[in-house]
Amino acid sequence: MKKFIASIITLSIPIFLIAQSDYTINEGVREMSQGAKNSFTMFIPNASTSIGEDILKKYLRQYKGKPKLDKKTNEWFSDDAKLETISQNTIDIYTKLEENLAAHVLEVTFWYDLGGAFLSSTDHPEQIAAATQFMNRYGDMVTEVLIEEELKMEEKKLKELESDLSKLVKENDDYHKKVDEAQALIDALNKDIQVNLNAQSAKQSNIDDQRKTIDTVNNRLNLYRTKI
């Protein structure tokens, strides 16, 4: 990435910032397979190279570009693409994607070969708006996929939270069930306690009566002892 950034500074110092675009797009001369040519670099937040490439292939096929990746240069080449808003003739589009992890952006550079000249705001000012729209539409397609992935992730989080809630509800139900069981046991034990207290009272009465009986017998015994 350091080498890539250095090449931007030395070869692609932005000379034109397209205004009123949905994405930041810098125009500048950058090295590519055909030499140092005028280019347009856009920055798509939080996008990955893999997603960017998948969308790029689908997108360029809409313009009959038949994109192919040159693994040596890491450039996508779309031969004879039909972008009538930019040129009535077919054009060749070169695209390079670089994932800037530090900045959390996907840097996508487009070179438009109009046939003998590469698109630039200096030589083709009337075609810049169409090129901007073309790139913004591509950026929107990438961003749409990112948002869809974000939605799936958030929906997954929701399901996990709902699952956690269901577990908590079940735990709460179990706790209430145990409380009910414990309360039933407490009620039964309270009844047993009352029965036990009644039994103790009755037994104490029996003991008192028995002591009286013993006293009576002792008195009788003592009476006979005094006669002897």
Protein backbone atom coordinates (compact mmCIF):
# COMPACT_ATOMS: atom_id res chain seq x y z
CA MET A 1 0.00 0.00 0.00
CA LYS A 2 2.86 2.45 0.70
CA LYS A 3 4.14 1.99 -2.84
CA PHE A 4 0.63 2.59 -4.20
CA ILE A 5 0.19 5.77 -2.18
CA ALA A 6 3.57 7.06 -3.29
CA SER A 7 2.62 6.59 -6.94
CA ILE A 8 -0.46 8.72 -6.37
CA ILE A 9 1.64 11.51 -4.93
CA THR A 10 4.27 11.49 -7.65
CA LEU A 11 2.20 10.66 -10.69
CA SER A 12 -1.40 11.45 -9.82
CA ILE A 13 -1.46 14.70 -7.91
CA PRO A 14 -5.17 15.58 -8.13
CA ILE A 15 -5.66 18.30 -10.68
CA PHE A 16 -9.44 18.23 -10.69
CA LEU A 17 -11.97 17.40 -8.01
CA ILE A 18 -15.35 16.63 -9.49
CA ALA A 19 -17.96 18.67 -7.67
CA GLN A 20 -21.43 17.58 -6.58
CA SER A 21 -20.66 13.88 -6.81
CA ASP A 22 -21.94 11.28 -4.39
CA TYR A 23 -18.40 10.01 -3.89
CA THR A 24 -15.09 11.81 -3.77
CA ILE A 25 -13.55 11.48 -7.23
CA ASN A 26 -10.03 12.71 -7.94
CA GLU A 27 -8.71 13.23 -11.43
CA GLY A 28 -5.01 12.85 -12.09
CA VAL A 29 -2.30 11.19 -14.15
CA ARG A 30 -1.44 7.73 -12.88
CA GLU A 31 0.73 4.88 -14.05
CA MET A 32 -1.05 1.93 -15.61
CA SER A 33 -0.41 -0.80 -18.17
CA GLN A 34 -0.51 1.68 -21.05
CA GLY A 35 1.82 4.17 -19.36
CA ALA A 36 1.07 7.32 -17.37
CA LYS A 37 -2.49 8.22 -18.33
CA ASN A 38 -5.19 10.49 -17.04
CA SER A 39 -7.44 8.72 -14.56
CA PHE A 40 -10.35 9.14 -12.19
CA THR A 41 -10.12 7.64 -8.70
CA MET A 42 -13.19 7.26 -6.52
CA PHE A 43 -13.31 6.30 -2.85
CA ILE A 44 -16.00 3.94 -1.54
CA PRO A 45 -16.14 3.74 2.27
CA ASN A 46 -15.90 0.34 4.00
CA ALA A 47 -15.91 -1.65 0.75
CA SER A 48 -13.66 -4.63 0.09
CA THR A 49 -11.81 -5.50 -3.10
CA SER A 50 -13.75 -8.73 -3.54
CA ILE A 51 -17.13 -6.98 -3.41
CA GLY A 52 -15.86 -4.18 -5.64
CA GLU A 53 -14.65 -6.64 -8.26
CA ASP A 54 -17.84 -8.70 -8.21
CA ILE A 55 -19.95 -5.59 -8.78
CA LEU A 56 -17.53 -4.24 -11.38
CA LYS A 57 -17.86 -7.37 -13.52
CA LYS A 58 -21.65 -7.26 -13.39
CA TYR A 59 -21.72 -3.51 -13.98
CA LEU A 60 -19.40 -3.43 -16.99
CA ARG A 61 -21.23 -6.31 -18.64
CA GLN A 62 -24.22 -3.98 -18.86
CA TYR A 63 -22.11 -1.92 -21.24
CA LYS A 64 -20.89 -4.92 -23.26
CA GLY A 65 -17.44 -4.46 -21.77
CA LYS A 66 -16.54 -8.11 -21.12
CA PRO A 67 -14.17 -7.27 -18.24
CA LYS A 68 -11.04 -9.39 -17.83
CA LEU A 69 -8.44 -9.22 -15.08
CA ASP A 70 -4.78 -8.86 -15.99
CA LYS A 71 -3.14 -10.53 -13.00
CA LYS A 72 0.27 -9.04 -13.82
CA THR A 73 -0.95 -5.45 -13.64
CA ASN A 74 -3.95 -6.13 -11.40
CA GLU A 75 -6.07 -4.17 -13.86
CA TRP A 76 -9.49 -4.98 -15.19
CA PHE A 77 -9.73 -4.38 -18.91
CA SER A 78 -13.07 -3.89 -20.63
CA ASP A 79 -12.70 -3.89 -24.39
CA ASP A 80 -15.10 -1.96 -26.62
CA ALA A 81 -17.52 -0.92 -23.90
CA LYS A 82 -20.56 1.02 -25.07
CA LEU A 83 -21.04 4.19 -23.01
CA GLU A 84 -22.86 6.47 -25.40
CA THR A 85 -23.17 9.17 -22.76
CA ILE A 86 -19.38 9.47 -22.84
CA SER A 87 -18.66 8.58 -26.46
CA GLN A 88 -20.64 7.55 -29.51
CA ASN A 89 -17.83 5.13 -30.29
CA THR A 90 -16.89 2.14 -28.16
CA ILE A 91 -14.27 2.83 -25.52
CA ASP A 92 -11.79 0.74 -23.56
CA ILE A 93 -12.06 0.98 -19.80
CA TYR A 94 -9.20 0.10 -17.48
CA THR A 95 -10.01 -0.29 -13.80
CA LYS A 96 -7.84 -0.91 -10.76
CA LEU A 97 -9.11 -1.57 -7.25
CA GLU A 98 -6.98 -1.01 -4.15
CA GLU A 99 -8.24 -1.59 -0.63
CA ASN A 100 -6.90 1.09 1.73
CA LEU A 101 -7.21 -0.64 5.09
CA ALA A 102 -5.89 2.32 7.07
CA ALA A 103 -8.52 4.68 5.64
CA HIS A 104 -11.25 2.00 5.46
CA VAL A 105 -11.99 2.82 1.83
CA LEU A 106 -11.86 1.06 -1.50
CA GLU A 107 -9.95 3.14 -4.04
CA VAL A 108 -11.23 2.45 -7.54
CA THR A 109 -9.39 4.03 -10.46
CA PHE A 110 -10.89 4.26 -13.95
CA TRP A 111 -9.05 5.05 -17.15
CA TYR A 112 -11.24 5.75 -20.19
CA ASP A 113 -9.49 5.18 -23.51
CA LEU A 114 -11.58 7.03 -26.07
CA GLY A 115 -9.38 5.80 -28.91
CA GLY A 116 -6.20 7.81 -29.21
CA ALA A 117 -6.83 9.84 -26.07
CA PHE A 118 -7.76 9.19 -22.48
CA LEU A 119 -10.71 11.04 -21.00
CA SER A 120 -9.77 14.22 -19.14
CA SER A 121 -11.57 17.31 -17.93
CA THR A 122 -9.13 19.46 -19.89
CA ASP A 123 -9.69 17.85 -23.28
CA HIS A 124 -13.24 16.52 -22.81
CA PRO A 125 -15.05 18.78 -20.29
CA GLU A 126 -18.48 18.03 -21.76
CA GLN A 127 -18.10 14.31 -21.03
CA ILE A 128 -17.06 14.55 -17.39
CA ALA A 129 -20.61 14.66 -16.02
CA ALA A 130 -21.43 11.38 -17.77
CA ALA A 131 -18.24 9.77 -16.46
CA THR A 132 -19.09 11.00 -12.97
CA GLN A 133 -22.58 9.54 -13.23
CA PHE A 134 -21.12 6.26 -14.48
CA MET A 135 -18.77 6.01 -11.48
CA ASN A 136 -21.37 7.15 -8.96
CA ARG A 137 -23.78 4.49 -10.19
CA TYR A 138 -21.06 1.87 -9.74
CA GLY A 139 -20.39 3.21 -6.23
CA ASP A 140 -24.09 3.03 -5.41
CA MET A 141 -24.23 -0.60 -6.50
CA VAL A 142 -21.29 -1.43 -4.25
CA THR A 143 -22.79 0.53 -1.36
CA GLU A 144 -26.13 -1.23 -1.83
CA VAL A 145 -24.42 -4.59 -1.37
CA LEU A 146 -22.63 -3.27 1.71
CA ILE A 147 -25.91 -2.09 3.20
CA GLU A 148 -27.54 -5.45 2.39
CA GLU A 149 -24.69 -7.20 4.22
CA GLU A 150 -25.04 -4.79 7.12
CA LEU A 151 -28.78 -5.50 7.22
CA LYS A 152 -28.15 -9.26 7.32
CA MET A 153 -25.65 -8.76 10.13
CA GLU A 154 -28.07 -6.61 12.12
CA GLU A 155 -30.90 -9.10 11.51
CA LYS A 156 -28.60 -11.86 12.79
CA LYS A 157 -27.91 -9.78 15.89
CA LEU A 158 -31.66 -9.32 16.36
CA LYS A 159 -32.24 -13.07 16.16
CA GLU A 160 -29.48 -13.63 18.71
CA LEU A 161 -31.03 -11.04 21.03
CA GLU A 162 -34.48 -12.59 20.58
CA SER A 163 -33.00 -16.01 21.32
CA ASP A 164 -31.37 -14.62 24.46
CA LEU A 165 -34.70 -13.11 25.50
CA SER A 166 -36.49 -16.44 24.94
CA LYS A 167 -33.94 -18.14 27.19
CA LEU A 168 -34.43 -15.48 29.86
CA VAL A 169 -38.22 -15.85 29.64
CA LYS A 170 -37.90 -19.62 30.02
CA GLU A 171 -35.58 -19.16 32.99
CA ASN A 172 -38.09 -16.77 34.53
CA ASP A 173 -40.89 -19.31 34.01
CA ASP A 174 -38.74 -21.98 35.66
CA TYR A 175 -38.06 -19.67 38.59
CA HIS A 176 -41.78 -18.98 39.02
CA LYS A 177 -42.50 -22.70 38.84
CA LYS A 178 -39.92 -23.37 41.54
CA VAL A 179 -41.33 -20.52 43.62
CA ASP A 180 -44.83 -22.00 43.27
CA GLU A 181 -43.52 -25.44 44.22
CA ALA A 182 -41.65 -23.95 47.16
CA GLN A 183 -44.74 -21.99 48.23
CA ALA A 184 -46.84 -25.15 48.08
CA LEU A 185 -44.23 -26.90 50.22
CA ILE A 186 -44.21 -23.97 52.67
CA ASP A 187 -48.01 -24.07 52.91
CA ALA A 188 -47.92 -27.81 53.55
CA LEU A 189 -45.18 -27.43 56.15
CA ASN A 190 -47.10 -24.63 57.85
CA LYS A 191 -50.08 -26.99 58.13
CA ASP A 192 -47.80 -29.70 59.50
CA ILE A 193 -46.40 -27.19 62.00
CA GLN A 194 -49.91 -26.36 63.20
CA VAL A 195 -50.79 -30.04 63.48
CA ASN A 196 -47.56 -30.58 65.40
CA LEU A 197 -48.33 -27.67 67.75
CA ASN A 198 -51.83 -29.06 68.37
CA ALA A 199 -50.33 -32.46 69.03
CA GLN A 200 -47.80 -30.92 71.42
CA SER A 201 -50.63 -29.14 73.27
CA ALA A 202 -52.64 -32.33 73.55
CA LYS A 203 -49.59 -34.25 74.68
CA GLN A 204 -48.81 -31.59 77.28
CA SER A 205 -52.37 -31.97 78.61
CA ASN A 206 -51.84 -35.72 78.83
CA ILE A 207 -48.61 -35.14 80.69
CA ASP A 208 -50.30 -32.76 83.12
CA ASP A 209 -53.11 -35.26 83.69
CA GLN A 210 -50.57 -38.04 84.18
CA ARG A 211 -48.69 -35.97 86.75
CA LYS A 212 -51.95 -35.41 88.61
CA THR A 213 -52.60 -39.14 88.54
CA ILE A 214 -49.12 -39.79 89.89
CA ASP A 215 -49.68 -37.24 92.64
CA THR A 216 -52.94 -38.97 93.57
CA VAL A 217 -51.27 -42.37 93.69
CA ASN A 218 -48.39 -40.95 95.75
CA ASN A 219 -50.84 -39.46 98.20
CA ARG A 220 -52.60 -42.80 98.59
CA LEU A 221 -49.24 -44.51 99.06
CA ASN A 222 -48.19 -42.04 101.71
CA LEU A 223 -51.53 -42.48 103.47
CA TYR A 224 -51.01 -46.23 103.81
CA ARG A 225 -47.42 -45.73 104.93
CA THR A 226 -48.54 -43.59 107.84
CA LYS A 227 -50.90 -46.34 109.04
CA ILE A 228 -48.18 -48.94 109.24
